[in-house]
Amino acid sequence: MAETDRTLERMRQDARDELAALIDLRCRLGEDPWEFLPDLPSVDEQVVATIREELIHSEDWRGLRARAYHPTARDGDVEKFEFQLLRQISLEHPDLSGAVWSMLGRVPTSW
């Protein structure tokens, strides 16, 4: 098994644990699982979100994000930045491509 496969499996297990903890917390708070479960990300979407968060704090992406989200940025700069970022994740982790492409249609401008 390649190193990236092991790393991806580790990230997936961490995402499962994180989602299980979130589900447990929301149930303990009295929320109805039938109401909130459909809104939760899949395990792979959670992994993509984690990788995305790590990347936007990296040296390579920090400046690009600042320019895209700056108040004087042009319309569409945020969407272009998010597309490029998610595309990079898909290229680096082909097994996550399905999750990346499903998330592209839901890129919020408030990330």
N, C-alpha and C. Protein backbone atom coordinates (compact mmCIF):
# COMPACT_ATOMS: atom_id res chain seq x y z
N MET A 1 0.85 -1.18 0.00
CA MET A 1 0.00 0.00 0.00
C MET A 1 0.89 1.24 0.00
N ALA A 2 0.61 2.18 -0.88
CA ALA A 2 1.41 3.40 -1.00
C ALA A 2 1.19 4.29 0.21
N GLU A 3 2.18 5.16 0.44
CA GLU A 3 2.12 6.09 1.58
C GLU A 3 0.90 7.00 1.51
N THR A 4 0.57 7.49 0.30
CA THR A 4 -0.59 8.37 0.17
C THR A 4 -1.88 7.62 0.47
N ASP A 5 -1.94 6.32 0.13
CA ASP A 5 -3.12 5.51 0.44
C ASP A 5 -3.28 5.38 1.95
N ARG A 6 -2.17 5.15 2.65
CA ARG A 6 -2.22 5.04 4.11
C ARG A 6 -2.65 6.37 4.73
N THR A 7 -2.10 7.44 4.20
CA THR A 7 -2.44 8.76 4.71
C THR A 7 -3.91 9.06 4.47
N LEU A 8 -4.40 8.75 3.28
CA LEU A 8 -5.80 8.99 2.97
C LEU A 8 -6.70 8.14 3.86
N GLU A 9 -6.35 6.89 4.07
CA GLU A 9 -7.15 6.05 4.96
C GLU A 9 -7.15 6.60 6.39
N ARG A 10 -6.01 7.12 6.83
CA ARG A 10 -5.92 7.72 8.17
C ARG A 10 -6.82 8.96 8.25
N MET A 11 -6.79 9.79 7.20
CA MET A 11 -7.64 10.98 7.17
C MET A 11 -9.12 10.59 7.14
N ARG A 12 -9.44 9.53 6.42
CA ARG A 12 -10.83 9.07 6.39
C ARG A 12 -11.27 8.57 7.77
N GLN A 13 -10.39 7.86 8.45
CA GLN A 13 -10.75 7.39 9.80
C GLN A 13 -10.93 8.57 10.75
N ASP A 14 -10.05 9.56 10.65
CA ASP A 14 -10.20 10.76 11.47
C ASP A 14 -11.52 11.47 11.17
N ALA A 15 -11.89 11.53 9.88
CA ALA A 15 -13.15 12.18 9.49
C ALA A 15 -14.34 11.40 10.04
N ARG A 16 -14.27 10.07 9.98
CA ARG A 16 -15.35 9.25 10.56
C ARG A 16 -15.50 9.53 12.05
N ASP A 17 -14.37 9.58 12.75
CA ASP A 17 -14.40 9.85 14.18
C ASP A 17 -14.98 11.24 14.47
N GLU A 18 -14.57 12.21 13.67
CA GLU A 18 -15.06 13.59 13.85
C GLU A 18 -16.56 13.67 13.60
N LEU A 19 -17.02 13.03 12.54
CA LEU A 19 -18.46 13.04 12.24
C LEU A 19 -19.25 12.29 13.30
N ALA A 20 -18.71 11.17 13.79
CA ALA A 20 -19.40 10.41 14.85
C ALA A 20 -19.52 11.26 16.12
N ALA A 21 -18.46 11.99 16.46
CA ALA A 21 -18.50 12.86 17.63
C ALA A 21 -19.52 13.98 17.45
N LEU A 22 -19.59 14.53 16.25
CA LEU A 22 -20.55 15.59 15.96
C LEU A 22 -21.99 15.07 16.04
N ILE A 23 -22.21 13.89 15.50
CA ILE A 23 -23.55 13.28 15.56
C ILE A 23 -23.93 13.03 17.01
N ASP A 24 -23.00 12.48 17.78
CA ASP A 24 -23.27 12.21 19.19
C ASP A 24 -23.61 13.50 19.95
N LEU A 25 -22.83 14.54 19.72
CA LEU A 25 -23.07 15.82 20.38
C LEU A 25 -24.44 16.38 20.03
N ARG A 26 -24.76 16.39 18.76
CA ARG A 26 -26.04 16.97 18.34
C ARG A 26 -27.22 16.16 18.87
N CYS A 27 -27.06 14.83 18.96
CA CYS A 27 -28.12 14.01 19.54
C CYS A 27 -28.26 14.29 21.04
N ARG A 28 -27.14 14.44 21.72
CA ARG A 28 -27.18 14.76 23.16
C ARG A 28 -27.81 16.12 23.43
N LEU A 29 -27.67 17.02 22.47
CA LEU A 29 -28.28 18.35 22.59
C LEU A 29 -29.77 18.33 22.24
N GLY A 30 -30.27 17.14 21.88
CA GLY A 30 -31.69 17.00 21.63
C GLY A 30 -32.12 17.17 20.19
N GLU A 31 -31.17 17.30 19.29
CA GLU A 31 -31.54 17.46 17.88
C GLU A 31 -31.97 16.12 17.31
N ASP A 32 -32.88 16.17 16.39
CA ASP A 32 -33.40 14.98 15.73
C ASP A 32 -32.46 14.59 14.59
N PRO A 33 -31.87 13.38 14.66
CA PRO A 33 -30.95 12.96 13.60
C PRO A 33 -31.57 12.96 12.20
N TRP A 34 -32.87 12.70 12.13
CA TRP A 34 -33.53 12.73 10.83
C TRP A 34 -33.49 14.12 10.23
N GLU A 35 -33.36 15.13 11.07
CA GLU A 35 -33.31 16.51 10.59
C GLU A 35 -31.91 16.92 10.13
N PHE A 36 -30.87 16.54 10.89
CA PHE A 36 -29.54 17.06 10.57
C PHE A 36 -28.64 16.12 9.79
N LEU A 37 -28.88 14.83 9.81
CA LEU A 37 -28.00 13.89 9.10
C LEU A 37 -27.89 14.17 7.60
N PRO A 38 -28.98 14.50 6.91
CA PRO A 38 -28.84 14.77 5.47
C PRO A 38 -27.94 15.97 5.16
N ASP A 39 -27.77 16.87 6.12
CA ASP A 39 -26.96 18.06 5.89
C ASP A 39 -25.48 17.86 6.19
N LEU A 40 -25.14 16.75 6.83
CA LEU A 40 -23.74 16.50 7.17
C LEU A 40 -22.95 16.08 5.93
N PRO A 41 -21.67 16.42 5.90
CA PRO A 41 -20.85 16.00 4.76
C PRO A 41 -20.58 14.49 4.82
N SER A 42 -20.25 13.93 3.67
CA SER A 42 -19.80 12.54 3.64
C SER A 42 -18.41 12.49 4.25
N VAL A 43 -17.92 11.29 4.49
CA VAL A 43 -16.57 11.14 5.04
C VAL A 43 -15.55 11.77 4.11
N ASP A 44 -15.64 11.49 2.81
CA ASP A 44 -14.69 12.07 1.87
C ASP A 44 -14.82 13.59 1.77
N GLU A 45 -16.04 14.11 1.86
CA GLU A 45 -16.21 15.56 1.86
C GLU A 45 -15.57 16.18 3.11
N GLN A 46 -15.65 15.50 4.22
CA GLN A 46 -15.01 15.98 5.44
C GLN A 46 -13.49 15.98 5.29
N VAL A 47 -12.96 14.94 4.63
CA VAL A 47 -11.52 14.88 4.37
C VAL A 47 -11.11 16.04 3.47
N VAL A 48 -11.88 16.29 2.42
CA VAL A 48 -11.58 17.40 1.51
C VAL A 48 -11.61 18.72 2.29
N ALA A 49 -12.59 18.91 3.15
CA ALA A 49 -12.68 20.14 3.94
C ALA A 49 -11.46 20.30 4.84
N THR A 50 -10.99 19.20 5.40
CA THR A 50 -9.80 19.24 6.27
C THR A 50 -8.56 19.61 5.46
N ILE A 51 -8.40 18.98 4.31
CA ILE A 51 -7.25 19.28 3.45
C ILE A 51 -7.32 20.73 2.99
N ARG A 52 -8.52 21.19 2.62
CA ARG A 52 -8.71 22.57 2.19
C ARG A 52 -8.27 23.54 3.28
N GLU A 53 -8.69 23.25 4.50
CA GLU A 53 -8.33 24.13 5.63
C GLU A 53 -6.81 24.18 5.83
N GLU A 54 -6.15 23.05 5.69
CA GLU A 54 -4.69 23.02 5.82
C GLU A 54 -4.03 23.81 4.69
N LEU A 55 -4.54 23.66 3.47
CA LEU A 55 -3.96 24.35 2.33
C LEU A 55 -4.10 25.86 2.42
N ILE A 56 -5.27 26.35 2.84
CA ILE A 56 -5.44 27.81 2.85
C ILE A 56 -4.54 28.50 3.87
N HIS A 57 -3.99 27.73 4.78
CA HIS A 57 -3.05 28.31 5.74
C HIS A 57 -1.60 28.09 5.32
N SER A 58 -1.41 27.42 4.19
CA SER A 58 -0.05 27.18 3.70
C SER A 58 0.46 28.44 3.01
N GLU A 59 1.76 28.52 2.89
CA GLU A 59 2.41 29.67 2.27
C GLU A 59 1.93 29.86 0.82
N ASP A 60 1.76 28.76 0.10
CA ASP A 60 1.38 28.83 -1.31
C ASP A 60 0.00 29.43 -1.54
N TRP A 61 -0.94 29.18 -0.64
CA TRP A 61 -2.33 29.58 -0.86
C TRP A 61 -2.77 30.78 -0.03
N ARG A 62 -2.05 31.13 1.00
CA ARG A 62 -2.47 32.21 1.90
C ARG A 62 -2.69 33.53 1.17
N GLY A 63 -1.72 33.93 0.36
CA GLY A 63 -1.83 35.19 -0.37
C GLY A 63 -2.93 35.17 -1.40
N LEU A 64 -3.07 34.05 -2.10
CA LEU A 64 -4.14 33.93 -3.09
C LEU A 64 -5.51 34.06 -2.45
N ARG A 65 -5.66 33.44 -1.28
CA ARG A 65 -6.94 33.53 -0.58
C ARG A 65 -7.21 34.97 -0.14
N ALA A 66 -6.19 35.63 0.38
CA ALA A 66 -6.36 37.01 0.85
C ALA A 66 -6.82 37.91 -0.30
N ARG A 67 -6.23 37.72 -1.48
CA ARG A 67 -6.63 38.55 -2.63
C ARG A 67 -8.05 38.21 -3.09
N ALA A 68 -8.39 36.93 -3.11
CA ALA A 68 -9.72 36.52 -3.59
C ALA A 68 -10.82 37.02 -2.66
N TYR A 69 -10.56 37.01 -1.37
CA TYR A 69 -11.58 37.39 -0.38
C TYR A 69 -11.49 38.86 0.03
N HIS A 70 -10.57 39.61 -0.55
CA HIS A 70 -10.43 41.03 -0.21
C HIS A 70 -11.69 41.78 -0.66
N PRO A 71 -12.11 42.78 0.12
CA PRO A 71 -13.33 43.53 -0.24
C PRO A 71 -13.28 44.17 -1.64
N THR A 72 -12.08 44.44 -2.15
CA THR A 72 -11.98 45.05 -3.48
C THR A 72 -11.82 44.02 -4.60
N ALA A 73 -11.88 42.74 -4.27
CA ALA A 73 -11.75 41.69 -5.28
C ALA A 73 -12.93 41.76 -6.25
N ARG A 74 -12.67 41.34 -7.47
CA ARG A 74 -13.72 41.34 -8.49
C ARG A 74 -14.71 40.21 -8.24
N ASP A 75 -15.91 40.40 -8.77
CA ASP A 75 -16.92 39.34 -8.71
C ASP A 75 -16.35 38.08 -9.37
N GLY A 76 -16.53 36.98 -8.72
CA GLY A 76 -16.06 35.71 -9.26
C GLY A 76 -14.69 35.29 -8.77
N ASP A 77 -13.95 36.19 -8.12
CA ASP A 77 -12.61 35.83 -7.65
C ASP A 77 -12.66 34.74 -6.57
N VAL A 78 -13.66 34.81 -5.71
CA VAL A 78 -13.78 33.80 -4.65
C VAL A 78 -14.05 32.43 -5.27
N GLU A 79 -15.00 32.39 -6.18
CA GLU A 79 -15.35 31.12 -6.82
C GLU A 79 -14.17 30.56 -7.60
N LYS A 80 -13.42 31.43 -8.28
CA LYS A 80 -12.24 31.00 -9.03
C LYS A 80 -11.18 30.43 -8.08
N PHE A 81 -10.95 31.13 -6.97
CA PHE A 81 -9.99 30.64 -5.98
C PHE A 81 -10.40 29.28 -5.43
N GLU A 82 -11.67 29.16 -5.03
CA GLU A 82 -12.15 27.89 -4.47
C GLU A 82 -12.07 26.76 -5.49
N PHE A 83 -12.38 27.07 -6.75
CA PHE A 83 -12.27 26.06 -7.80
C PHE A 83 -10.84 25.59 -7.92
N GLN A 84 -9.89 26.53 -7.98
CA GLN A 84 -8.48 26.17 -8.11
C GLN A 84 -8.00 25.34 -6.92
N LEU A 85 -8.43 25.74 -5.73
CA LEU A 85 -8.02 25.02 -4.52
C LEU A 85 -8.58 23.60 -4.51
N LEU A 86 -9.87 23.46 -4.78
CA LEU A 86 -10.48 22.13 -4.80
C LEU A 86 -9.92 21.28 -5.94
N ARG A 87 -9.64 21.90 -7.06
CA ARG A 87 -9.03 21.17 -8.18
C ARG A 87 -7.67 20.63 -7.78
N GLN A 88 -6.89 21.42 -7.06
CA GLN A 88 -5.57 20.98 -6.59
C GLN A 88 -5.70 19.77 -5.68
N ILE A 89 -6.70 19.79 -4.79
CA ILE A 89 -6.93 18.65 -3.90
C ILE A 89 -7.26 17.42 -4.73
N SER A 90 -8.09 17.58 -5.74
CA SER A 90 -8.47 16.46 -6.61
C SER A 90 -7.26 15.90 -7.35
N LEU A 91 -6.38 16.78 -7.79
CA LEU A 91 -5.19 16.31 -8.50
C LEU A 91 -4.23 15.57 -7.56
N GLU A 92 -4.10 16.05 -6.33
CA GLU A 92 -3.20 15.43 -5.38
C GLU A 92 -3.77 14.15 -4.77
N HIS A 93 -5.09 14.06 -4.71
CA HIS A 93 -5.77 12.90 -4.10
C HIS A 93 -6.88 12.43 -5.05
N PRO A 94 -6.53 11.71 -6.11
CA PRO A 94 -7.53 11.29 -7.09
C PRO A 94 -8.70 10.50 -6.48
N ASP A 95 -8.47 9.79 -5.40
CA ASP A 95 -9.56 9.04 -4.77
C ASP A 95 -10.63 9.95 -4.19
N LEU A 96 -10.30 11.22 -4.01
CA LEU A 96 -11.27 12.17 -3.47
C LEU A 96 -11.96 13.00 -4.56
N SER A 97 -11.69 12.68 -5.81
CA SER A 97 -12.24 13.47 -6.92
C SER A 97 -13.76 13.56 -6.89
N GLY A 98 -14.42 12.45 -6.60
CA GLY A 98 -15.88 12.47 -6.54
C GLY A 98 -16.40 13.45 -5.51
N ALA A 99 -15.78 13.44 -4.34
CA ALA A 99 -16.19 14.37 -3.28
C ALA A 99 -15.89 15.81 -3.67
N VAL A 100 -14.73 16.02 -4.28
CA VAL A 100 -14.36 17.38 -4.71
C VAL A 100 -15.38 17.91 -5.70
N TRP A 101 -15.70 17.12 -6.71
CA TRP A 101 -16.62 17.60 -7.74
C TRP A 101 -18.02 17.80 -7.19
N SER A 102 -18.42 17.00 -6.22
CA SER A 102 -19.75 17.22 -5.62
C SER A 102 -19.77 18.51 -4.80
N MET A 103 -18.61 18.87 -4.24
CA MET A 103 -18.53 20.08 -3.43
C MET A 103 -18.42 21.35 -4.29
N LEU A 104 -17.92 21.22 -5.50
CA LEU A 104 -17.75 22.39 -6.36
C LEU A 104 -19.05 23.12 -6.63
N GLY A 105 -20.13 22.38 -6.73
CA GLY A 105 -21.42 23.01 -6.98
C GLY A 105 -21.99 23.72 -5.77
N ARG A 106 -21.32 23.53 -4.62
CA ARG A 106 -21.84 24.12 -3.38
C ARG A 106 -20.80 25.03 -2.72
N VAL A 107 -19.94 25.64 -3.51
CA VAL A 107 -18.90 26.49 -2.95
C VAL A 107 -19.53 27.74 -2.36
N PRO A 108 -19.50 27.83 -1.04
CA PRO A 108 -20.08 29.04 -0.41
C PRO A 108 -19.07 30.18 -0.48
N THR A 109 -19.58 31.37 -0.60
CA THR A 109 -18.68 32.52 -0.66
C THR A 109 -18.25 32.96 0.73
N SER A 110 -18.72 32.29 1.75
CA SER A 110 -18.37 32.69 3.12
C SER A 110 -17.34 31.77 3.76
N TRP A 111 -16.78 30.83 3.00
CA TRP A 111 -15.78 29.91 3.58
C TRP A 111 -14.64 30.68 4.14
